[in-house]
Structure formats: C-alpha cells, structure tokens
Amino acid sequence: MQIRCVKIMTLAKVGKRGTVVIPSQERKRAEIQEGDYVEVTARESGLILIRKAPSLKEIQTKMAGKLPQWSELEGKADELLEKEA
C-alpha cells in the first residue's frame, strides 16, 4: 500500500505597498517571529521563496572559534606591505 502526503497550500493576499502577511501556521513552522528578518527571492517562474534570515547572534554562535583572532592577524598587514616594497 502506498501512502501519499498532500500539502495543502496556504494563500496570502498582497496588500498595499506589496505587503504580504505570512499565515500564522506557516510562521510557526518556519519559526518566524515578529521583528525577525526574512530573505525574499523571486524566481522567473513566479515562485517566491521567503526564508527566515539568521540573527546576528545566530551567526556569531555558528562562527565562534572558526575565524582567526585579532592577535593572530596583528602585524600581518605590515609584513605583507614590507614584502611588496
């Protein structure tokens, strides 16, 4: 027996100035809250993707320990400039 999963589409209306209200069930599913930023991408096919943009804190947490510290970089620019001269 084959089971099919059918996604019921949620409609949203475009208002004045292009505003679109994302339905609450879709906001909850995407974990989008008031004040969050979203990335909007339009495709030529007419498909518009709305994705929650990561917060600065989320980016800092994700990048923690992955970038060189200032103490490791200090003086490197001067060394490179001296080599160029």
N, C-alpha and C. Protein backbone atom coordinates (compact mmCIF):
# COMPACT_ATOMS: atom_id res chain seq x y z
N MET A 1 0.84 -1.17 0.00
CA MET A 1 0.00 0.00 0.00
C MET A 1 0.89 1.25 0.00
N GLN A 2 0.57 2.18 -0.85
CA GLN A 2 1.33 3.42 -0.95
C GLN A 2 0.55 4.56 -0.28
N ILE A 3 1.24 5.31 0.56
CA ILE A 3 0.60 6.43 1.25
C ILE A 3 1.11 7.72 0.63
N ARG A 4 0.20 8.62 0.31
CA ARG A 4 0.57 9.89 -0.29
C ARG A 4 0.45 11.00 0.75
N CYS A 5 1.40 11.89 0.71
CA CYS A 5 1.37 13.06 1.59
C CYS A 5 0.99 14.26 0.72
N VAL A 6 -0.11 14.89 1.04
CA VAL A 6 -0.57 16.02 0.26
C VAL A 6 -0.43 17.28 1.10
N LYS A 7 0.27 18.26 0.57
CA LYS A 7 0.46 19.55 1.24
C LYS A 7 -0.65 20.47 0.77
N ILE A 8 -1.43 20.97 1.72
CA ILE A 8 -2.46 21.92 1.37
C ILE A 8 -1.83 23.31 1.34
N MET A 9 -2.02 24.00 0.25
CA MET A 9 -1.42 25.32 0.06
C MET A 9 -2.14 26.35 0.91
N THR A 10 -1.38 27.24 1.49
CA THR A 10 -1.94 28.34 2.26
C THR A 10 -1.84 29.60 1.41
N LEU A 11 -2.94 30.32 1.30
CA LEU A 11 -2.95 31.53 0.49
C LEU A 11 -2.70 32.76 1.35
N ALA A 12 -2.04 33.72 0.74
CA ALA A 12 -1.82 35.02 1.37
C ALA A 12 -2.11 36.08 0.32
N LYS A 13 -2.67 37.18 0.73
CA LYS A 13 -3.04 38.25 -0.21
C LYS A 13 -2.00 39.36 -0.16
N VAL A 14 -1.69 39.89 -1.33
CA VAL A 14 -0.76 41.01 -1.42
C VAL A 14 -1.56 42.29 -1.21
N GLY A 15 -1.11 43.09 -0.24
CA GLY A 15 -1.82 44.33 0.09
C GLY A 15 -1.14 45.54 -0.52
N LYS A 16 -1.57 46.70 -0.04
CA LYS A 16 -0.96 47.96 -0.50
C LYS A 16 0.53 47.92 -0.22
N ARG A 17 1.29 48.56 -1.08
CA ARG A 17 2.75 48.65 -0.96
C ARG A 17 3.42 47.28 -0.99
N GLY A 18 2.73 46.26 -1.46
CA GLY A 18 3.33 44.94 -1.62
C GLY A 18 3.42 44.12 -0.35
N THR A 19 2.74 44.52 0.69
CA THR A 19 2.82 43.77 1.95
C THR A 19 2.12 42.42 1.82
N VAL A 20 2.74 41.41 2.40
CA VAL A 20 2.18 40.07 2.44
C VAL A 20 2.20 39.61 3.89
N VAL A 21 1.07 39.15 4.38
CA VAL A 21 1.00 38.61 5.73
C VAL A 21 1.20 37.10 5.63
N ILE A 22 2.24 36.61 6.29
CA ILE A 22 2.51 35.17 6.29
C ILE A 22 1.56 34.53 7.31
N PRO A 23 0.74 33.57 6.88
CA PRO A 23 -0.21 32.95 7.81
C PRO A 23 0.49 32.37 9.04
N SER A 24 -0.19 32.43 10.18
CA SER A 24 0.42 32.05 11.46
C SER A 24 0.96 30.62 11.46
N GLN A 25 0.24 29.67 10.86
CA GLN A 25 0.74 28.29 10.88
C GLN A 25 2.04 28.15 10.11
N GLU A 26 2.20 28.94 9.05
CA GLU A 26 3.45 28.89 8.28
C GLU A 26 4.57 29.61 9.03
N ARG A 27 4.25 30.71 9.72
CA ARG A 27 5.26 31.39 10.55
C ARG A 27 5.74 30.47 11.66
N LYS A 28 4.84 29.76 12.29
CA LYS A 28 5.22 28.83 13.36
C LYS A 28 6.11 27.73 12.81
N ARG A 29 5.73 27.18 11.66
CA ARG A 29 6.51 26.10 11.05
C ARG A 29 7.93 26.57 10.71
N ALA A 30 8.06 27.82 10.25
CA ALA A 30 9.36 28.37 9.88
C ALA A 30 10.06 29.06 11.05
N GLU A 31 9.41 29.07 12.21
CA GLU A 31 9.94 29.72 13.41
C GLU A 31 10.25 31.20 13.16
N ILE A 32 9.34 31.86 12.46
CA ILE A 32 9.46 33.29 12.19
C ILE A 32 8.60 34.03 13.21
N GLN A 33 9.22 34.98 13.90
CA GLN A 33 8.51 35.75 14.91
C GLN A 33 8.53 37.23 14.55
N GLU A 34 7.66 37.99 15.19
CA GLU A 34 7.60 39.42 14.94
C GLU A 34 8.98 40.04 15.16
N GLY A 35 9.41 40.86 14.22
CA GLY A 35 10.71 41.52 14.31
C GLY A 35 11.83 40.78 13.60
N ASP A 36 11.61 39.50 13.24
CA ASP A 36 12.62 38.74 12.52
C ASP A 36 12.76 39.29 11.10
N TYR A 37 13.93 39.14 10.52
CA TYR A 37 14.14 39.48 9.12
C TYR A 37 13.97 38.22 8.29
N VAL A 38 13.48 38.40 7.06
CA VAL A 38 13.35 37.27 6.14
C VAL A 38 14.06 37.62 4.84
N GLU A 39 14.54 36.58 4.16
CA GLU A 39 15.15 36.75 2.84
C GLU A 39 14.07 36.41 1.82
N VAL A 40 13.92 37.26 0.81
CA VAL A 40 12.90 37.05 -0.21
C VAL A 40 13.60 36.89 -1.55
N THR A 41 13.32 35.79 -2.23
CA THR A 41 13.93 35.51 -3.53
C THR A 41 12.84 35.19 -4.53
N ALA A 42 12.82 35.89 -5.65
CA ALA A 42 11.83 35.63 -6.70
C ALA A 42 12.51 34.90 -7.85
N ARG A 43 11.85 33.90 -8.33
CA ARG A 43 12.34 33.14 -9.50
C ARG A 43 11.54 33.57 -10.73
N GLU A 44 12.12 33.38 -11.90
CA GLU A 44 11.45 33.77 -13.14
C GLU A 44 10.14 33.02 -13.33
N SER A 45 10.02 31.85 -12.75
CA SER A 45 8.81 31.04 -12.89
C SER A 45 7.64 31.61 -12.11
N GLY A 46 7.89 32.65 -11.31
CA GLY A 46 6.83 33.22 -10.49
C GLY A 46 6.87 32.72 -9.06
N LEU A 47 7.76 31.79 -8.78
CA LEU A 47 7.91 31.26 -7.44
C LEU A 47 8.64 32.27 -6.57
N ILE A 48 8.11 32.55 -5.40
CA ILE A 48 8.76 33.46 -4.46
C ILE A 48 9.07 32.66 -3.20
N LEU A 49 10.33 32.68 -2.79
CA LEU A 49 10.76 31.97 -1.59
C LEU A 49 10.96 32.97 -0.47
N ILE A 50 10.44 32.67 0.70
CA ILE A 50 10.62 33.51 1.87
C ILE A 50 11.28 32.63 2.93
N ARG A 51 12.46 33.03 3.38
CA ARG A 51 13.22 32.23 4.33
C ARG A 51 13.65 33.12 5.49
N LYS A 52 13.57 32.59 6.69
CA LYS A 52 14.00 33.34 7.86
C LYS A 52 15.50 33.59 7.75
N ALA A 53 15.87 34.86 7.92
CA ALA A 53 17.29 35.23 7.90
C ALA A 53 17.86 35.01 9.29
N PRO A 54 19.07 34.48 9.38
CA PRO A 54 19.65 34.26 10.71
C PRO A 54 19.92 35.59 11.41
N SER A 55 19.75 35.60 12.73
CA SER A 55 20.04 36.80 13.51
C SER A 55 21.55 36.93 13.69
N LEU A 56 22.00 38.11 14.09
CA LEU A 56 23.42 38.32 14.33
C LEU A 56 23.94 37.35 15.39
N LYS A 57 23.14 37.12 16.42
CA LYS A 57 23.54 36.19 17.48
C LYS A 57 23.70 34.77 16.95
N GLU A 58 22.79 34.34 16.07
CA GLU A 58 22.90 33.00 15.47
C GLU A 58 24.17 32.89 14.63
N ILE A 59 24.50 33.94 13.89
CA ILE A 59 25.70 33.93 13.06
C ILE A 59 26.95 33.89 13.95
N GLN A 60 26.96 34.70 15.01
CA GLN A 60 28.10 34.72 15.92
C GLN A 60 28.30 33.35 16.56
N THR A 61 27.22 32.71 16.97
CA THR A 61 27.31 31.38 17.59
C THR A 61 27.85 30.37 16.59
N LYS A 62 27.35 30.43 15.36
CA LYS A 62 27.78 29.48 14.32
C LYS A 62 29.25 29.68 13.95
N MET A 63 29.72 30.93 13.95
CA MET A 63 31.09 31.23 13.53
C MET A 63 32.09 31.20 14.68
N ALA A 64 31.61 31.08 15.91
CA ALA A 64 32.51 31.12 17.08
C ALA A 64 33.63 30.10 16.93
N GLY A 65 34.85 30.58 17.07
CA GLY A 65 36.02 29.71 17.01
C GLY A 65 36.48 29.36 15.61
N LYS A 66 35.75 29.79 14.57
CA LYS A 66 36.12 29.43 13.20
C LYS A 66 36.93 30.51 12.50
N LEU A 67 36.91 31.74 13.04
CA LEU A 67 37.67 32.83 12.43
C LEU A 67 38.92 33.10 13.25
N PRO A 68 40.00 33.52 12.59
CA PRO A 68 41.22 33.83 13.36
C PRO A 68 40.99 35.00 14.29
N GLN A 69 41.64 34.96 15.41
CA GLN A 69 41.53 36.03 16.39
C GLN A 69 42.44 37.18 15.99
N TRP A 70 42.13 38.39 16.46
CA TRP A 70 42.89 39.57 16.10
C TRP A 70 44.36 39.39 16.45
N SER A 71 44.64 38.76 17.57
CA SER A 71 46.03 38.59 17.99
C SER A 71 46.83 37.78 16.96
N GLU A 72 46.15 36.88 16.24
CA GLU A 72 46.83 36.09 15.20
C GLU A 72 47.07 36.92 13.94
N LEU A 73 46.23 37.92 13.71
CA LEU A 73 46.32 38.72 12.49
C LEU A 73 47.16 39.98 12.66
N GLU A 74 47.32 40.43 13.88
CA GLU A 74 48.01 41.68 14.15
C GLU A 74 49.43 41.64 13.58
N GLY A 75 49.79 42.67 12.84
CA GLY A 75 51.12 42.76 12.27
C GLY A 75 51.27 42.08 10.91
N LYS A 76 50.33 41.23 10.50
CA LYS A 76 50.43 40.53 9.21
C LYS A 76 50.37 41.52 8.04
N ALA A 77 49.51 42.54 8.13
CA ALA A 77 49.40 43.52 7.05
C ALA A 77 50.72 44.24 6.85
N ASP A 78 51.36 44.62 7.96
CA ASP A 78 52.65 45.31 7.86
C ASP A 78 53.69 44.41 7.20
N GLU A 79 53.70 43.14 7.56
CA GLU A 79 54.65 42.20 6.96
C GLU A 79 54.43 42.08 5.46
N LEU A 80 53.16 42.00 5.05
CA LEU A 80 52.85 41.88 3.62
C LEU A 80 53.25 43.15 2.86
N LEU A 81 53.01 44.29 3.48
CA LEU A 81 53.39 45.56 2.82
C LEU A 81 54.90 45.66 2.68
N GLU A 82 55.65 45.21 3.67
CA GLU A 82 57.11 45.26 3.60
C GLU A 82 57.62 44.34 2.49
N LYS A 83 56.99 43.19 2.30
CA LYS A 83 57.40 42.25 1.25
C LYS A 83 57.16 42.86 -0.13
N GLU A 84 56.08 43.63 -0.27
CA GLU A 84 55.73 44.24 -1.55
C GLU A 84 56.70 45.34 -1.92
N ALA A 85 57.28 46.02 -0.93
CA ALA A 85 58.16 47.17 -1.20
C ALA A 85 59.51 46.76 -1.70
